[in-house]
Amino acid sequence: MRKSVLVLVVSVLLAAASACGGRPAELVPPVLKPEVVDASAERPRIRFADGLVSANDLCPVTKKKLSPYFPPVYVNGLPIGFC
């Protein structure tokens, strides 16, 4: 009797631990062909493959022009471009 209760408790704990360990998959927009929105501007913004335009017009790290070769970081759903 005591052994069956112990097996039941251990199995419930293992089931709970396995259910809590999983993370749902996140949808990450592809960065295939970013393009410069206005090439004639001094600091142009970039339109990424998901159709969103970068929220910034200069690199937050070096304060230079954005590069379409670096993937954006999404903050509150807005893409932040880098150099």
N, C-alpha and C. Protein backbone atom coordinates (compact mmCIF):
# COMPACT_ATOMS: atom_id res chain seq x y z
N MET A 1 0.82 -1.19 0.00
CA MET A 1 0.00 0.00 0.00
C MET A 1 0.87 1.26 0.00
N ARG A 2 1.86 1.30 0.87
CA ARG A 2 2.70 2.48 0.98
C ARG A 2 3.53 2.67 -0.30
N LYS A 3 3.96 1.55 -0.88
CA LYS A 3 4.77 1.61 -2.10
C LYS A 3 3.93 2.14 -3.28
N SER A 4 2.68 1.76 -3.36
CA SER A 4 1.83 2.23 -4.46
C SER A 4 1.56 3.74 -4.34
N VAL A 5 1.42 4.25 -3.12
CA VAL A 5 1.22 5.68 -2.91
C VAL A 5 2.48 6.44 -3.32
N LEU A 6 3.65 5.89 -2.98
CA LEU A 6 4.91 6.52 -3.34
C LEU A 6 5.09 6.56 -4.86
N VAL A 7 4.74 5.48 -5.55
CA VAL A 7 4.82 5.43 -7.00
C VAL A 7 3.87 6.45 -7.62
N LEU A 8 2.68 6.56 -7.06
CA LEU A 8 1.70 7.53 -7.55
C LEU A 8 2.19 8.96 -7.38
N VAL A 9 2.76 9.26 -6.22
CA VAL A 9 3.25 10.62 -5.95
C VAL A 9 4.42 10.95 -6.88
N VAL A 10 5.33 10.01 -7.07
CA VAL A 10 6.47 10.25 -7.95
C VAL A 10 6.01 10.44 -9.39
N SER A 11 5.07 9.67 -9.84
CA SER A 11 4.59 9.82 -11.22
C SER A 11 3.87 11.15 -11.43
N VAL A 12 3.11 11.59 -10.44
CA VAL A 12 2.43 12.89 -10.54
C VAL A 12 3.47 14.02 -10.57
N LEU A 13 4.50 13.93 -9.75
CA LEU A 13 5.54 14.95 -9.73
C LEU A 13 6.31 14.99 -11.05
N LEU A 14 6.61 13.83 -11.61
CA LEU A 14 7.31 13.79 -12.90
C LEU A 14 6.45 14.36 -14.02
N ALA A 15 5.16 14.07 -14.00
CA ALA A 15 4.26 14.61 -15.01
C ALA A 15 4.16 16.12 -14.89
N ALA A 16 4.09 16.62 -13.67
CA ALA A 16 4.01 18.07 -13.46
C ALA A 16 5.31 18.75 -13.89
N ALA A 17 6.44 18.14 -13.60
CA ALA A 17 7.73 18.72 -13.97
C ALA A 17 7.90 18.75 -15.48
N SER A 18 7.47 17.71 -16.16
CA SER A 18 7.61 17.70 -17.62
C SER A 18 6.65 18.70 -18.28
N ALA A 19 5.49 18.93 -17.69
CA ALA A 19 4.54 19.88 -18.24
C ALA A 19 5.02 21.32 -18.05
N CYS A 20 5.72 21.59 -16.97
CA CYS A 20 6.20 22.94 -16.70
C CYS A 20 7.47 23.28 -17.47
N GLY A 21 8.19 22.28 -17.92
CA GLY A 21 9.47 22.52 -18.57
C GLY A 21 9.37 22.97 -20.01
N GLY A 22 8.25 22.72 -20.66
CA GLY A 22 8.14 23.05 -22.08
C GLY A 22 7.82 24.51 -22.31
N ARG A 23 8.44 25.09 -23.35
CA ARG A 23 8.12 26.46 -23.76
C ARG A 23 7.45 26.41 -25.11
N PRO A 24 6.44 27.21 -25.31
CA PRO A 24 5.81 27.23 -26.64
C PRO A 24 6.77 27.86 -27.65
N ALA A 25 6.66 27.43 -28.88
CA ALA A 25 7.51 27.96 -29.93
C ALA A 25 7.15 29.42 -30.20
N GLU A 26 8.18 30.23 -30.48
CA GLU A 26 7.96 31.63 -30.80
C GLU A 26 8.11 31.83 -32.30
N LEU A 27 7.24 32.61 -32.86
CA LEU A 27 7.31 32.92 -34.27
C LEU A 27 8.27 34.09 -34.46
N VAL A 28 9.38 33.84 -35.13
CA VAL A 28 10.38 34.86 -35.40
C VAL A 28 10.28 35.24 -36.86
N PRO A 29 10.05 36.51 -37.16
CA PRO A 29 9.92 36.91 -38.56
C PRO A 29 11.23 36.68 -39.31
N PRO A 30 11.14 36.25 -40.55
CA PRO A 30 12.36 36.02 -41.31
C PRO A 30 13.01 37.33 -41.72
N VAL A 31 14.31 37.33 -41.77
CA VAL A 31 15.07 38.48 -42.22
C VAL A 31 15.78 38.06 -43.50
N LEU A 32 15.05 38.07 -44.60
CA LEU A 32 15.60 37.57 -45.85
C LEU A 32 16.18 38.69 -46.70
N LYS A 33 15.37 39.69 -47.01
CA LYS A 33 15.82 40.76 -47.89
C LYS A 33 15.42 42.11 -47.31
N PRO A 34 16.19 42.62 -46.36
CA PRO A 34 15.88 43.96 -45.89
C PRO A 34 16.26 44.98 -46.95
N GLU A 35 15.54 46.08 -46.98
CA GLU A 35 15.82 47.11 -47.98
C GLU A 35 15.81 48.48 -47.33
N VAL A 36 16.55 49.38 -47.89
CA VAL A 36 16.60 50.75 -47.40
C VAL A 36 15.35 51.48 -47.90
N VAL A 37 14.68 52.18 -47.00
CA VAL A 37 13.43 52.85 -47.35
C VAL A 37 13.69 54.05 -48.25
N ASP A 38 14.58 54.94 -47.85
CA ASP A 38 14.88 56.14 -48.64
C ASP A 38 16.40 56.26 -48.73
N ALA A 39 16.97 55.79 -49.83
CA ALA A 39 18.42 55.76 -49.99
C ALA A 39 19.03 57.15 -50.05
N SER A 40 18.26 58.17 -50.41
CA SER A 40 18.81 59.52 -50.52
C SER A 40 18.93 60.22 -49.17
N ALA A 41 18.31 59.68 -48.13
CA ALA A 41 18.37 60.30 -46.81
C ALA A 41 19.74 60.12 -46.19
N GLU A 42 20.10 61.03 -45.30
CA GLU A 42 21.40 60.94 -44.64
C GLU A 42 21.47 59.71 -43.74
N ARG A 43 20.40 59.46 -43.02
CA ARG A 43 20.31 58.27 -42.16
C ARG A 43 19.01 57.53 -42.50
N PRO A 44 19.06 56.67 -43.52
CA PRO A 44 17.82 55.99 -43.95
C PRO A 44 17.38 54.90 -42.98
N ARG A 45 16.09 54.70 -42.94
CA ARG A 45 15.53 53.59 -42.16
C ARG A 45 15.52 52.34 -43.03
N ILE A 46 15.32 51.19 -42.41
CA ILE A 46 15.35 49.92 -43.13
C ILE A 46 14.00 49.24 -43.01
N ARG A 47 13.49 48.72 -44.14
CA ARG A 47 12.27 47.92 -44.14
C ARG A 47 12.70 46.46 -44.15
N PHE A 48 12.28 45.72 -43.14
CA PHE A 48 12.69 44.32 -43.00
C PHE A 48 11.72 43.41 -43.74
N ALA A 49 12.03 42.13 -43.81
CA ALA A 49 11.27 41.17 -44.61
C ALA A 49 9.83 41.03 -44.14
N ASP A 50 9.56 41.32 -42.87
CA ASP A 50 8.18 41.22 -42.38
C ASP A 50 7.36 42.46 -42.71
N GLY A 51 7.97 43.44 -43.39
CA GLY A 51 7.25 44.64 -43.82
C GLY A 51 7.35 45.80 -42.86
N LEU A 52 7.88 45.59 -41.66
CA LEU A 52 7.99 46.66 -40.68
C LEU A 52 9.24 47.49 -40.95
N VAL A 53 9.14 48.79 -40.68
CA VAL A 53 10.25 49.71 -40.85
C VAL A 53 10.91 49.93 -39.49
N SER A 54 12.23 50.03 -39.48
CA SER A 54 12.97 50.18 -38.23
C SER A 54 12.50 51.42 -37.48
N ALA A 55 12.42 51.30 -36.18
CA ALA A 55 11.97 52.41 -35.35
C ALA A 55 13.05 53.47 -35.22
N ASN A 56 14.30 53.09 -35.42
CA ASN A 56 15.41 54.03 -35.30
C ASN A 56 16.02 54.32 -36.67
N ASP A 57 16.73 55.44 -36.76
CA ASP A 57 17.38 55.78 -38.02
C ASP A 57 18.90 55.76 -37.91
N LEU A 58 19.43 55.50 -36.72
CA LEU A 58 20.86 55.33 -36.56
C LEU A 58 21.13 54.23 -35.55
N CYS A 59 22.32 53.68 -35.62
CA CYS A 59 22.68 52.54 -34.78
C CYS A 59 22.76 52.97 -33.31
N PRO A 60 22.10 52.24 -32.40
CA PRO A 60 22.16 52.62 -30.99
C PRO A 60 23.52 52.38 -30.36
N VAL A 61 24.39 51.61 -31.00
CA VAL A 61 25.69 51.29 -30.43
C VAL A 61 26.74 52.32 -30.87
N THR A 62 26.89 52.51 -32.18
CA THR A 62 27.96 53.38 -32.69
C THR A 62 27.45 54.72 -33.22
N LYS A 63 26.15 54.92 -33.23
CA LYS A 63 25.53 56.15 -33.74
C LYS A 63 25.86 56.40 -35.21
N LYS A 64 26.00 55.32 -35.99
CA LYS A 64 26.25 55.41 -37.42
C LYS A 64 25.01 54.96 -38.18
N LYS A 65 25.12 54.94 -39.51
CA LYS A 65 24.03 54.52 -40.38
C LYS A 65 23.68 53.05 -40.13
N LEU A 66 22.40 52.71 -40.28
CA LEU A 66 21.96 51.33 -40.09
C LEU A 66 22.46 50.45 -41.23
N SER A 67 22.67 49.17 -40.92
CA SER A 67 23.11 48.21 -41.92
C SER A 67 22.00 47.18 -42.14
N PRO A 68 21.66 46.89 -43.39
CA PRO A 68 20.63 45.88 -43.65
C PRO A 68 21.12 44.45 -43.44
N TYR A 69 22.39 44.28 -43.13
CA TYR A 69 22.95 42.94 -42.98
C TYR A 69 22.82 42.36 -41.57
N PHE A 70 22.44 43.19 -40.60
CA PHE A 70 22.26 42.71 -39.24
C PHE A 70 20.77 42.55 -38.95
N PRO A 71 20.38 41.44 -38.34
CA PRO A 71 18.96 41.24 -38.03
C PRO A 71 18.51 42.21 -36.94
N PRO A 72 17.24 42.59 -36.97
CA PRO A 72 16.75 43.53 -35.96
C PRO A 72 16.45 42.82 -34.64
N VAL A 73 16.32 43.63 -33.61
CA VAL A 73 15.82 43.16 -32.32
C VAL A 73 14.45 43.81 -32.15
N TYR A 74 13.46 43.01 -31.82
CA TYR A 74 12.09 43.52 -31.70
C TYR A 74 11.81 43.92 -30.26
N VAL A 75 11.46 45.18 -30.08
CA VAL A 75 11.11 45.73 -28.77
C VAL A 75 9.69 46.21 -28.86
N ASN A 76 8.81 45.63 -28.09
CA ASN A 76 7.39 45.95 -28.10
C ASN A 76 6.81 45.85 -29.52
N GLY A 77 7.28 44.89 -30.28
CA GLY A 77 6.77 44.66 -31.62
C GLY A 77 7.37 45.53 -32.70
N LEU A 78 8.27 46.42 -32.35
CA LEU A 78 8.92 47.30 -33.33
C LEU A 78 10.36 46.85 -33.56
N PRO A 79 10.80 46.80 -34.81
CA PRO A 79 12.18 46.39 -35.08
C PRO A 79 13.18 47.52 -34.81
N ILE A 80 14.26 47.18 -34.12
CA ILE A 80 15.35 48.11 -33.87
C ILE A 80 16.53 47.64 -34.71
N GLY A 81 16.97 48.46 -35.66
CA GLY A 81 18.07 48.09 -36.54
C GLY A 81 19.42 48.37 -35.91
N PHE A 82 20.45 47.69 -36.43
CA PHE A 82 21.81 47.86 -35.94
C PHE A 82 22.75 48.10 -37.10
N CYS A 83 24.00 48.44 -36.79
CA CYS A 83 24.99 48.70 -37.82
C CYS A 83 25.91 47.55 -37.85
